[in-house]
Amino acid sequence: MEKQYDNEKTGFLWHENGNSSVMRKGTLTLDGKKHYVAIIESHNDRGEPKYEFMVSAGLLHINKEHEKVSSNSPDIGGAISLGESFKTFKLGGWKKMSKNNQEYTSISIKPKEEQGQYVQRTEELSDVPF
């Protein structure tokens, strides 16, 4: 029987291999709230440029080894706002290495007001510290 995973509030981040760059960065006000935004250039599988409009969900900070509360503490984290109502979550990211020797970051979010530990995914998928 194949393992079933609850993927809710978890994800992965991978390296773009230098194929992305921030073209413009600024702000957009919507319903009286200022949002930080950016236009990112990357390339499709045919090498053609494509542009994405990104909205910042929040600021993250790197957790240095000597500052971590436990060995399960995230390498990077912070408060983010997501969803239609911009609900606030606490994001944690852990630097991982896949079976194919590729670095990636496993991420997990939980409601900010919720106490307890993050859920770390164990599946596998530089100098970046996260």
N, C-alpha and C. Protein backbone atom coordinates (compact mmCIF):
# COMPACT_ATOMS: atom_id res chain seq x y z
N MET A 1 0.83 -1.17 0.00
CA MET A 1 0.00 0.00 0.00
C MET A 1 0.88 1.25 0.00
N GLU A 2 0.60 2.19 -0.87
CA GLU A 2 1.39 3.42 -0.99
C GLU A 2 1.09 4.34 0.19
N LYS A 3 2.17 5.00 0.71
CA LYS A 3 2.00 5.93 1.81
C LYS A 3 1.21 7.15 1.34
N GLN A 4 0.31 7.62 2.18
CA GLN A 4 -0.45 8.83 1.92
C GLN A 4 0.07 9.92 2.86
N TYR A 5 0.30 11.11 2.32
CA TYR A 5 0.81 12.22 3.11
C TYR A 5 -0.21 13.34 3.14
N ASP A 6 -0.30 13.99 4.27
CA ASP A 6 -1.11 15.20 4.40
C ASP A 6 -0.21 16.36 4.01
N ASN A 7 -0.41 16.91 2.82
CA ASN A 7 0.44 17.98 2.31
C ASN A 7 -0.03 19.37 2.72
N GLU A 8 -1.13 19.44 3.47
CA GLU A 8 -1.67 20.73 3.88
C GLU A 8 -0.67 21.48 4.74
N LYS A 9 -0.43 22.74 4.40
CA LYS A 9 0.46 23.65 5.12
C LYS A 9 1.93 23.23 5.07
N THR A 10 2.33 22.47 4.05
CA THR A 10 3.73 22.11 3.85
C THR A 10 4.09 22.31 2.38
N GLY A 11 5.38 22.40 2.11
CA GLY A 11 5.81 22.57 0.73
C GLY A 11 7.32 22.48 0.61
N PHE A 12 7.81 22.77 -0.61
CA PHE A 12 9.23 22.72 -0.91
C PHE A 12 9.63 23.94 -1.72
N LEU A 13 10.85 24.38 -1.54
CA LEU A 13 11.46 25.44 -2.35
C LEU A 13 12.72 24.86 -2.96
N TRP A 14 12.97 25.15 -4.22
CA TRP A 14 14.14 24.63 -4.91
C TRP A 14 14.95 25.79 -5.49
N HIS A 15 16.19 25.50 -5.86
CA HIS A 15 17.07 26.50 -6.48
C HIS A 15 16.66 26.71 -7.93
N GLU A 16 16.69 27.93 -8.37
CA GLU A 16 16.34 28.29 -9.75
C GLU A 16 17.54 28.24 -10.68
N ASN A 17 18.71 27.91 -10.17
CA ASN A 17 19.93 27.81 -10.98
C ASN A 17 20.27 29.10 -11.71
N GLY A 18 20.07 30.23 -11.07
CA GLY A 18 20.45 31.51 -11.65
C GLY A 18 19.57 31.98 -12.79
N ASN A 19 18.43 31.32 -13.00
CA ASN A 19 17.57 31.67 -14.13
C ASN A 19 16.51 32.71 -13.78
N SER A 20 16.52 33.25 -12.57
CA SER A 20 15.52 34.23 -12.18
C SER A 20 16.19 35.50 -11.69
N SER A 21 15.54 36.63 -11.93
CA SER A 21 16.04 37.89 -11.39
C SER A 21 14.89 38.83 -11.13
N VAL A 22 15.09 39.68 -10.12
CA VAL A 22 14.09 40.69 -9.79
C VAL A 22 14.26 41.85 -10.76
N MET A 23 13.22 42.11 -11.55
CA MET A 23 13.28 43.19 -12.54
C MET A 23 12.84 44.53 -11.93
N ARG A 24 11.82 44.49 -11.11
CA ARG A 24 11.29 45.67 -10.43
C ARG A 24 10.76 45.25 -9.06
N LYS A 25 10.85 46.17 -8.11
CA LYS A 25 10.38 45.91 -6.76
C LYS A 25 9.75 47.19 -6.24
N GLY A 26 8.61 47.10 -5.57
CA GLY A 26 7.95 48.30 -5.07
C GLY A 26 6.75 47.97 -4.22
N THR A 27 5.76 48.87 -4.24
CA THR A 27 4.57 48.71 -3.41
C THR A 27 3.31 48.88 -4.24
N LEU A 28 2.24 48.32 -3.73
CA LEU A 28 0.90 48.44 -4.31
C LEU A 28 -0.07 48.57 -3.15
N THR A 29 -0.92 49.62 -3.18
CA THR A 29 -1.91 49.79 -2.13
C THR A 29 -3.25 49.26 -2.61
N LEU A 30 -3.85 48.40 -1.80
CA LEU A 30 -5.15 47.81 -2.12
C LEU A 30 -6.00 47.84 -0.87
N ASP A 31 -7.18 48.39 -0.97
CA ASP A 31 -8.10 48.52 0.16
C ASP A 31 -7.42 49.18 1.36
N GLY A 32 -6.58 50.17 1.08
CA GLY A 32 -5.91 50.91 2.15
C GLY A 32 -4.71 50.23 2.75
N LYS A 33 -4.37 49.03 2.28
CA LYS A 33 -3.22 48.30 2.82
C LYS A 33 -2.09 48.26 1.80
N LYS A 34 -0.87 48.59 2.25
CA LYS A 34 0.30 48.58 1.39
C LYS A 34 0.86 47.17 1.29
N HIS A 35 1.09 46.70 0.07
CA HIS A 35 1.68 45.39 -0.19
C HIS A 35 3.01 45.60 -0.92
N TYR A 36 4.00 44.81 -0.56
CA TYR A 36 5.29 44.85 -1.25
C TYR A 36 5.23 43.85 -2.40
N VAL A 37 5.61 44.30 -3.59
CA VAL A 37 5.45 43.51 -4.80
C VAL A 37 6.74 43.53 -5.62
N ALA A 38 6.84 42.60 -6.57
CA ALA A 38 8.00 42.53 -7.46
C ALA A 38 7.61 41.87 -8.77
N ILE A 39 8.36 42.19 -9.82
CA ILE A 39 8.26 41.49 -11.10
C ILE A 39 9.52 40.65 -11.24
N ILE A 40 9.34 39.35 -11.42
CA ILE A 40 10.45 38.40 -11.51
C ILE A 40 10.54 37.89 -12.94
N GLU A 41 11.74 37.93 -13.50
CA GLU A 41 11.97 37.36 -14.83
C GLU A 41 12.61 35.99 -14.66
N SER A 42 12.06 35.00 -15.36
CA SER A 42 12.66 33.68 -15.44
C SER A 42 12.48 33.20 -16.88
N HIS A 43 12.80 31.95 -17.15
CA HIS A 43 12.72 31.44 -18.52
C HIS A 43 11.97 30.11 -18.55
N ASN A 44 11.20 29.91 -19.61
CA ASN A 44 10.49 28.64 -19.76
C ASN A 44 11.44 27.58 -20.30
N ASP A 45 10.94 26.39 -20.55
CA ASP A 45 11.79 25.28 -20.99
C ASP A 45 12.37 25.47 -22.38
N ARG A 46 11.88 26.47 -23.13
CA ARG A 46 12.44 26.80 -24.44
C ARG A 46 13.43 27.95 -24.37
N GLY A 47 13.71 28.42 -23.14
CA GLY A 47 14.65 29.51 -22.95
C GLY A 47 14.05 30.90 -23.17
N GLU A 48 12.75 30.98 -23.38
CA GLU A 48 12.08 32.26 -23.60
C GLU A 48 11.79 32.93 -22.26
N PRO A 49 11.95 34.25 -22.18
CA PRO A 49 11.68 34.93 -20.90
C PRO A 49 10.19 34.92 -20.56
N LYS A 50 9.92 34.83 -19.27
CA LYS A 50 8.56 34.97 -18.77
C LYS A 50 8.63 35.84 -17.52
N TYR A 51 7.54 36.52 -17.22
CA TYR A 51 7.52 37.46 -16.12
C TYR A 51 6.38 37.13 -15.18
N GLU A 52 6.67 37.15 -13.88
CA GLU A 52 5.66 36.86 -12.87
C GLU A 52 5.56 38.04 -11.91
N PHE A 53 4.33 38.34 -11.50
CA PHE A 53 4.09 39.38 -10.51
C PHE A 53 4.00 38.69 -9.16
N MET A 54 4.86 39.04 -8.23
CA MET A 54 4.93 38.41 -6.92
C MET A 54 4.53 39.41 -5.84
N VAL A 55 3.82 38.93 -4.85
CA VAL A 55 3.44 39.73 -3.69
C VAL A 55 4.15 39.15 -2.47
N SER A 56 4.82 40.00 -1.72
CA SER A 56 5.51 39.55 -0.52
C SER A 56 4.50 39.12 0.54
N ALA A 57 4.73 37.96 1.12
CA ALA A 57 3.86 37.47 2.18
C ALA A 57 4.39 37.84 3.56
N GLY A 58 5.65 38.24 3.64
CA GLY A 58 6.24 38.62 4.93
C GLY A 58 7.75 38.55 4.92
N LEU A 59 8.36 39.07 5.95
CA LEU A 59 9.80 39.05 6.09
C LEU A 59 10.24 37.80 6.84
N LEU A 60 11.35 37.23 6.42
CA LEU A 60 11.89 36.03 7.06
C LEU A 60 13.24 36.36 7.68
N HIS A 61 13.63 35.58 8.65
CA HIS A 61 14.94 35.75 9.28
C HIS A 61 15.63 34.38 9.34
N ILE A 62 16.95 34.41 9.27
CA ILE A 62 17.75 33.19 9.35
C ILE A 62 18.04 32.90 10.81
N ASN A 63 17.81 31.66 11.22
CA ASN A 63 18.09 31.22 12.59
C ASN A 63 19.49 30.60 12.61
N LYS A 64 20.42 31.27 13.24
CA LYS A 64 21.78 30.75 13.34
C LYS A 64 21.80 29.56 14.30
N GLU A 65 22.70 28.62 14.05
CA GLU A 65 22.75 27.38 14.84
C GLU A 65 22.78 27.65 16.34
N HIS A 66 23.57 28.60 16.79
CA HIS A 66 23.69 28.85 18.23
C HIS A 66 22.45 29.55 18.81
N GLU A 67 21.55 30.04 17.96
CA GLU A 67 20.33 30.70 18.42
C GLU A 67 19.11 29.77 18.42
N LYS A 68 19.25 28.58 17.85
CA LYS A 68 18.12 27.66 17.76
C LYS A 68 17.75 27.11 19.14
N VAL A 69 16.45 26.97 19.37
CA VAL A 69 15.94 26.45 20.64
C VAL A 69 16.17 24.94 20.74
N SER A 70 16.06 24.23 19.60
CA SER A 70 16.27 22.79 19.58
C SER A 70 16.81 22.38 18.21
N SER A 71 17.15 21.10 18.08
CA SER A 71 17.65 20.61 16.78
C SER A 71 16.55 20.62 15.72
N ASN A 72 15.28 20.70 16.13
CA ASN A 72 14.16 20.77 15.19
C ASN A 72 13.78 22.20 14.80
N SER A 73 14.46 23.20 15.38
CA SER A 73 14.15 24.59 15.04
C SER A 73 14.44 24.84 13.56
N PRO A 74 13.61 25.66 12.91
CA PRO A 74 13.82 25.93 11.48
C PRO A 74 15.10 26.73 11.23
N ASP A 75 15.63 26.59 10.02
CA ASP A 75 16.81 27.35 9.60
C ASP A 75 16.42 28.77 9.20
N ILE A 76 15.17 28.95 8.76
CA ILE A 76 14.67 30.26 8.37
C ILE A 76 13.20 30.31 8.76
N GLY A 77 12.70 31.49 9.10
CA GLY A 77 11.30 31.57 9.48
C GLY A 77 10.84 33.00 9.68
N GLY A 78 9.55 33.14 9.91
CA GLY A 78 8.97 34.44 10.17
C GLY A 78 7.47 34.41 10.00
N ALA A 79 6.84 35.54 10.30
CA ALA A 79 5.39 35.68 10.16
C ALA A 79 5.06 36.03 8.72
N ILE A 80 4.05 35.38 8.16
CA ILE A 80 3.60 35.65 6.79
C ILE A 80 2.08 35.79 6.80
N SER A 81 1.57 36.47 5.79
CA SER A 81 0.11 36.61 5.63
C SER A 81 -0.28 36.01 4.29
N LEU A 82 -1.23 35.07 4.32
CA LEU A 82 -1.65 34.37 3.11
C LEU A 82 -3.16 34.23 3.07
N GLY A 83 -3.67 33.87 1.91
CA GLY A 83 -5.08 33.57 1.74
C GLY A 83 -5.91 34.80 1.45
N GLU A 84 -7.17 34.55 1.16
CA GLU A 84 -8.09 35.63 0.80
C GLU A 84 -8.22 36.67 1.91
N SER A 85 -8.17 36.22 3.15
CA SER A 85 -8.33 37.15 4.28
C SER A 85 -6.99 37.58 4.87
N PHE A 86 -5.88 37.19 4.21
CA PHE A 86 -4.53 37.50 4.68
C PHE A 86 -4.32 37.06 6.13
N LYS A 87 -4.73 35.82 6.41
CA LYS A 87 -4.53 35.24 7.72
C LYS A 87 -3.04 35.15 8.01
N THR A 88 -2.66 35.41 9.26
CA THR A 88 -1.25 35.39 9.64
C THR A 88 -0.83 33.99 10.07
N PHE A 89 0.29 33.54 9.50
CA PHE A 89 0.88 32.24 9.81
C PHE A 89 2.32 32.43 10.25
N LYS A 90 2.84 31.42 10.89
CA LYS A 90 4.26 31.35 11.21
C LYS A 90 4.88 30.34 10.25
N LEU A 91 5.88 30.77 9.47
CA LEU A 91 6.53 29.90 8.49
C LEU A 91 7.87 29.43 9.03
N GLY A 92 8.18 28.16 8.82
CA GLY A 92 9.49 27.61 9.14
C GLY A 92 10.05 26.91 7.92
N GLY A 93 11.35 27.04 7.70
CA GLY A 93 12.01 26.38 6.58
C GLY A 93 13.27 25.67 7.04
N TRP A 94 13.45 24.45 6.55
CA TRP A 94 14.60 23.63 6.93
C TRP A 94 15.40 23.27 5.69
N LYS A 95 16.71 23.52 5.75
CA LYS A 95 17.61 23.16 4.66
C LYS A 95 17.73 21.64 4.62
N LYS A 96 17.53 21.06 3.44
CA LYS A 96 17.56 19.61 3.26
C LYS A 96 18.40 19.24 2.05
N MET A 97 18.72 17.94 1.95
CA MET A 97 19.43 17.40 0.80
C MET A 97 18.64 16.21 0.28
N SER A 98 18.34 16.20 -1.00
CA SER A 98 17.57 15.10 -1.58
C SER A 98 18.46 13.87 -1.79
N LYS A 99 17.82 12.76 -2.12
CA LYS A 99 18.56 11.53 -2.43
C LYS A 99 19.46 11.73 -3.65
N ASN A 100 19.08 12.69 -4.52
CA ASN A 100 19.87 12.99 -5.73
C ASN A 100 20.91 14.06 -5.46
N ASN A 101 21.19 14.35 -4.19
CA ASN A 101 22.20 15.31 -3.79
C ASN A 101 21.87 16.74 -4.23
N GLN A 102 20.58 17.08 -4.25
CA GLN A 102 20.12 18.43 -4.58
C GLN A 102 19.64 19.11 -3.31
N GLU A 103 20.13 20.35 -3.05
CA GLU A 103 19.66 21.09 -1.89
C GLU A 103 18.26 21.62 -2.15
N TYR A 104 17.44 21.64 -1.11
CA TYR A 104 16.11 22.24 -1.18
C TYR A 104 15.73 22.69 0.22
N THR A 105 14.66 23.44 0.32
CA THR A 105 14.15 23.89 1.60
C THR A 105 12.75 23.32 1.80
N SER A 106 12.57 22.58 2.86
CA SER A 106 11.26 22.07 3.24
C SER A 106 10.59 23.15 4.08
N ILE A 107 9.33 23.51 3.75
CA ILE A 107 8.65 24.57 4.50
C ILE A 107 7.35 24.06 5.11
N SER A 108 6.97 24.71 6.19
CA SER A 108 5.73 24.38 6.88
C SER A 108 5.18 25.66 7.49
N ILE A 109 3.86 25.78 7.51
CA ILE A 109 3.24 26.93 8.16
C ILE A 109 2.23 26.45 9.20
N LYS A 110 2.00 27.29 10.19
CA LYS A 110 0.96 27.03 11.18
C LYS A 110 0.35 28.38 11.54
N PRO A 111 -0.91 28.40 11.96
CA PRO A 111 -1.50 29.67 12.39
C PRO A 111 -0.63 30.31 13.46
N LYS A 112 -0.41 31.60 13.35
CA LYS A 112 0.51 32.28 14.25
C LYS A 112 0.12 32.14 15.71
N GLU A 113 -1.17 32.14 15.99
CA GLU A 113 -1.60 32.05 17.39
C GLU A 113 -1.49 30.64 17.96
N GLU A 114 -1.27 29.64 17.10
CA GLU A 114 -1.15 28.24 17.55
C GLU A 114 0.21 28.00 18.18
N GLN A 115 0.23 27.33 19.31
CA GLN A 115 1.48 26.98 19.98
C GLN A 115 1.92 25.59 19.53
N GLY A 116 3.19 25.28 19.67
CA GLY A 116 3.66 23.94 19.36
C GLY A 116 4.67 23.94 18.23
N GLN A 117 4.99 22.76 17.79
CA GLN A 117 6.04 22.57 16.80
C GLN A 117 5.51 22.62 15.38
N TYR A 118 6.41 22.94 14.46
CA TYR A 118 6.11 22.85 13.04
C TYR A 118 6.03 21.39 12.64
N VAL A 119 5.40 21.13 11.50
CA VAL A 119 5.37 19.79 10.93
C VAL A 119 6.44 19.76 9.85
N GLN A 120 7.42 18.88 9.98
CA GLN A 120 8.46 18.77 8.97
C GLN A 120 8.15 17.60 8.06
N ARG A 121 8.27 17.84 6.74
CA ARG A 121 8.10 16.75 5.79
C ARG A 121 9.42 16.03 5.68
N THR A 122 9.34 14.73 5.46
CA THR A 122 10.56 13.94 5.39
C THR A 122 10.87 13.46 3.98
N GLU A 123 10.00 13.73 2.99
CA GLU A 123 10.29 13.30 1.63
C GLU A 123 11.47 14.11 1.10
N GLU A 124 12.08 13.60 0.04
CA GLU A 124 13.25 14.28 -0.49
C GLU A 124 13.01 14.95 -1.83
N LEU A 125 13.45 15.86 -2.18
CA LEU A 125 13.42 16.65 -3.44
C LEU A 125 14.87 17.09 -3.87
N SER A 126 25.34 25.03 -2.57
CA SER A 126 25.02 26.48 -2.52
C SER A 126 25.42 27.09 -1.24
N ASP A 127 25.20 27.87 -1.27
CA ASP A 127 25.63 28.56 -0.06
C ASP A 127 24.44 29.17 0.67
N VAL A 128 23.28 29.04 0.18
CA VAL A 128 22.09 29.59 0.84
C VAL A 128 21.89 28.84 2.14
N PRO A 129 21.71 29.58 3.26
CA PRO A 129 21.63 28.92 4.56
C PRO A 129 20.27 28.31 4.88
N PHE A 130 19.38 28.17 3.88
CA PHE A 130 18.07 27.57 4.13
C PHE A 130 17.62 26.74 2.97
